[in-house]
Amino acid sequence: LQAAEPDAALALRRLAAAWRCPVLTTYMAKGAADDADPMTVGCFVGGPAEDALLRAADAIMLFGADPVEF
């Protein structure tokens, strides 16, 4: 829920834009990233759909991730 806080969501969107990196949200953080932004690539579900993206990543940043979501 921390990522859904307006100031935190804005900071995360600015960081992703500055780094020009793809963004996956969790179900609880839905809305923290703009779904219309081409860098918002979907929702992290812990399945094979996001596997190629995660394996290609140089770094993965989690913000406000709740282990229960995984």
N, C-alpha and C. Protein backbone atom coordinates (compact mmCIF):
# COMPACT_ATOMS: atom_id res chain seq x y z
N LEU A 1 0.81 -1.19 0.00
CA LEU A 1 0.00 0.00 0.00
C LEU A 1 0.85 1.26 0.00
N GLN A 2 2.12 1.13 0.38
CA GLN A 2 3.00 2.31 0.40
C GLN A 2 3.14 2.91 -0.99
N ALA A 3 3.17 2.08 -2.01
CA ALA A 3 3.36 2.57 -3.37
C ALA A 3 2.13 3.32 -3.87
N ALA A 4 0.98 3.06 -3.29
CA ALA A 4 -0.25 3.74 -3.72
C ALA A 4 -0.38 5.13 -3.11
N GLU A 5 0.43 5.45 -2.10
CA GLU A 5 0.41 6.79 -1.51
C GLU A 5 0.80 7.79 -2.61
N PRO A 6 0.05 8.88 -2.79
CA PRO A 6 0.27 9.78 -3.93
C PRO A 6 1.71 10.28 -4.08
N ASP A 7 2.36 10.70 -3.01
CA ASP A 7 3.73 11.21 -3.12
C ASP A 7 4.70 10.09 -3.50
N ALA A 8 4.49 8.91 -2.93
CA ALA A 8 5.36 7.78 -3.26
C ALA A 8 5.16 7.35 -4.70
N ALA A 9 3.90 7.30 -5.14
CA ALA A 9 3.62 6.90 -6.52
C ALA A 9 4.25 7.89 -7.50
N LEU A 10 4.16 9.17 -7.21
CA LEU A 10 4.77 10.19 -8.08
C LEU A 10 6.28 10.01 -8.13
N ALA A 11 6.90 9.78 -6.98
CA ALA A 11 8.36 9.58 -6.95
C ALA A 11 8.75 8.35 -7.76
N LEU A 12 7.99 7.27 -7.64
CA LEU A 12 8.29 6.06 -8.40
C LEU A 12 8.12 6.28 -9.89
N ARG A 13 7.07 7.00 -10.30
CA ARG A 13 6.88 7.28 -11.73
C ARG A 13 8.02 8.14 -12.27
N ARG A 14 8.47 9.11 -11.48
CA ARG A 14 9.59 9.96 -11.91
C ARG A 14 10.88 9.16 -12.03
N LEU A 15 11.12 8.27 -11.09
CA LEU A 15 12.32 7.44 -11.13
C LEU A 15 12.30 6.53 -12.35
N ALA A 16 11.18 5.88 -12.61
CA ALA A 16 11.07 5.01 -13.77
C ALA A 16 11.25 5.78 -15.07
N ALA A 17 10.72 7.00 -15.13
CA ALA A 17 10.87 7.83 -16.33
C ALA A 17 12.32 8.25 -16.52
N ALA A 18 12.98 8.62 -15.44
CA ALA A 18 14.38 9.04 -15.52
C ALA A 18 15.28 7.88 -15.94
N TRP A 19 14.99 6.69 -15.44
CA TRP A 19 15.80 5.52 -15.76
C TRP A 19 15.35 4.85 -17.05
N ARG A 20 14.19 5.24 -17.56
CA ARG A 20 13.60 4.65 -18.77
C ARG A 20 13.57 3.13 -18.65
N CYS A 21 12.97 2.67 -17.56
CA CYS A 21 12.92 1.23 -17.30
C CYS A 21 11.48 0.73 -17.29
N PRO A 22 11.29 -0.53 -17.64
CA PRO A 22 9.94 -1.10 -17.58
C PRO A 22 9.47 -1.23 -16.14
N VAL A 23 8.17 -1.13 -15.95
CA VAL A 23 7.59 -1.18 -14.62
C VAL A 23 6.53 -2.28 -14.57
N LEU A 24 6.66 -3.12 -13.58
CA LEU A 24 5.62 -4.10 -13.24
C LEU A 24 5.08 -3.69 -11.87
N THR A 25 3.79 -3.73 -11.70
CA THR A 25 3.22 -3.44 -10.39
C THR A 25 2.70 -4.74 -9.78
N THR A 26 2.50 -4.72 -8.50
CA THR A 26 1.80 -5.82 -7.85
C THR A 26 0.33 -5.45 -7.80
N TYR A 27 -0.50 -6.40 -7.44
CA TYR A 27 -1.93 -6.11 -7.34
C TYR A 27 -2.19 -5.01 -6.32
N MET A 28 -1.46 -5.02 -5.21
CA MET A 28 -1.68 -4.02 -4.17
C MET A 28 -1.18 -2.64 -4.59
N ALA A 29 -0.24 -2.57 -5.53
CA ALA A 29 0.30 -1.28 -5.98
C ALA A 29 -0.36 -0.81 -7.27
N LYS A 30 -1.39 -1.51 -7.70
CA LYS A 30 -2.09 -1.12 -8.93
C LYS A 30 -2.52 0.34 -8.82
N GLY A 31 -2.19 1.12 -9.84
CA GLY A 31 -2.50 2.54 -9.83
C GLY A 31 -1.30 3.41 -9.51
N ALA A 32 -0.25 2.80 -8.94
CA ALA A 32 0.95 3.58 -8.63
C ALA A 32 1.67 3.98 -9.91
N ALA A 33 1.58 3.16 -10.93
CA ALA A 33 2.15 3.47 -12.24
C ALA A 33 0.99 3.70 -13.20
N ASP A 34 1.20 4.58 -14.15
CA ASP A 34 0.16 4.91 -15.13
C ASP A 34 0.04 3.77 -16.14
N ASP A 35 -1.10 3.13 -16.20
CA ASP A 35 -1.30 2.01 -17.13
C ASP A 35 -1.16 2.44 -18.59
N ALA A 36 -1.35 3.73 -18.88
CA ALA A 36 -1.24 4.22 -20.26
C ALA A 36 0.22 4.47 -20.66
N ASP A 37 1.13 4.47 -19.69
CA ASP A 37 2.55 4.68 -19.98
C ASP A 37 3.09 3.44 -20.68
N PRO A 38 3.78 3.61 -21.81
CA PRO A 38 4.30 2.43 -22.52
C PRO A 38 5.33 1.64 -21.72
N MET A 39 5.92 2.24 -20.70
CA MET A 39 6.89 1.51 -19.88
C MET A 39 6.22 0.69 -18.78
N THR A 40 4.93 0.89 -18.56
CA THR A 40 4.19 0.05 -17.62
C THR A 40 3.78 -1.20 -18.38
N VAL A 41 4.39 -2.31 -18.03
CA VAL A 41 4.23 -3.52 -18.84
C VAL A 41 3.28 -4.55 -18.24
N GLY A 42 2.73 -4.28 -17.08
CA GLY A 42 1.75 -5.20 -16.54
C GLY A 42 1.88 -5.39 -15.04
N CYS A 43 1.23 -6.42 -14.59
CA CYS A 43 1.18 -6.73 -13.16
C CYS A 43 2.06 -7.95 -12.87
N PHE A 44 2.88 -7.85 -11.84
CA PHE A 44 3.71 -8.95 -11.42
C PHE A 44 2.83 -10.01 -10.76
N VAL A 45 2.85 -11.20 -11.30
CA VAL A 45 2.04 -12.28 -10.73
C VAL A 45 2.89 -13.46 -10.26
N GLY A 46 4.21 -13.36 -10.45
CA GLY A 46 5.09 -14.44 -10.01
C GLY A 46 5.01 -15.67 -10.90
N GLY A 47 4.67 -15.46 -12.15
CA GLY A 47 4.53 -16.57 -13.07
C GLY A 47 5.42 -16.43 -14.28
N PRO A 48 5.23 -17.29 -15.27
CA PRO A 48 6.09 -17.28 -16.45
C PRO A 48 5.91 -16.05 -17.35
N ALA A 49 4.82 -15.32 -17.21
CA ALA A 49 4.56 -14.17 -18.09
C ALA A 49 5.65 -13.11 -17.99
N GLU A 50 6.17 -12.89 -16.80
CA GLU A 50 7.19 -11.85 -16.64
C GLU A 50 8.60 -12.42 -16.53
N ASP A 51 8.75 -13.71 -16.69
CA ASP A 51 10.04 -14.36 -16.51
C ASP A 51 11.14 -13.79 -17.42
N ALA A 52 10.87 -13.62 -18.71
CA ALA A 52 11.90 -13.13 -19.63
C ALA A 52 12.35 -11.71 -19.26
N LEU A 53 11.40 -10.87 -18.88
CA LEU A 53 11.74 -9.51 -18.47
C LEU A 53 12.63 -9.51 -17.23
N LEU A 54 12.28 -10.30 -16.24
CA LEU A 54 13.06 -10.34 -15.01
C LEU A 54 14.45 -10.93 -15.24
N ARG A 55 14.55 -11.94 -16.08
CA ARG A 55 15.87 -12.54 -16.36
C ARG A 55 16.78 -11.59 -17.13
N ALA A 56 16.20 -10.70 -17.92
CA ALA A 56 16.99 -9.74 -18.69
C ALA A 56 17.38 -8.51 -17.89
N ALA A 57 16.82 -8.35 -16.71
CA ALA A 57 17.05 -7.14 -15.90
C ALA A 57 18.47 -7.11 -15.33
N ASP A 58 19.05 -5.92 -15.36
CA ASP A 58 20.33 -5.70 -14.68
C ASP A 58 20.11 -5.53 -13.18
N ALA A 59 18.96 -4.98 -12.83
CA ALA A 59 18.61 -4.77 -11.43
C ALA A 59 17.09 -4.81 -11.32
N ILE A 60 16.63 -5.20 -10.16
CA ILE A 60 15.19 -5.23 -9.88
C ILE A 60 14.99 -4.48 -8.58
N MET A 61 14.13 -3.46 -8.61
CA MET A 61 13.84 -2.69 -7.41
C MET A 61 12.41 -2.97 -6.98
N LEU A 62 12.26 -3.31 -5.72
CA LEU A 62 10.93 -3.52 -5.16
C LEU A 62 10.67 -2.38 -4.18
N PHE A 63 9.50 -1.79 -4.28
CA PHE A 63 9.14 -0.73 -3.36
C PHE A 63 7.81 -1.10 -2.72
N GLY A 64 7.81 -1.22 -1.42
CA GLY A 64 6.58 -1.53 -0.71
C GLY A 64 6.03 -2.90 -1.01
N ALA A 65 6.87 -3.80 -1.49
CA ALA A 65 6.40 -5.15 -1.84
C ALA A 65 6.10 -5.93 -0.56
N ASP A 66 4.97 -6.58 -0.55
CA ASP A 66 4.56 -7.39 0.57
C ASP A 66 4.81 -8.86 0.21
N PRO A 67 5.63 -9.57 0.98
CA PRO A 67 5.95 -10.95 0.64
C PRO A 67 4.72 -11.83 0.45
N VAL A 68 3.61 -11.48 1.04
CA VAL A 68 2.42 -12.30 0.91
C VAL A 68 1.90 -12.27 -0.54
N GLU A 69 2.26 -11.24 -1.30
CA GLU A 69 1.83 -11.15 -2.69
C GLU A 69 2.54 -12.17 -3.58
N PHE A 70 3.68 -12.66 -3.14
CA PHE A 70 4.46 -13.56 -3.97
C PHE A 70 4.13 -14.99 -3.67
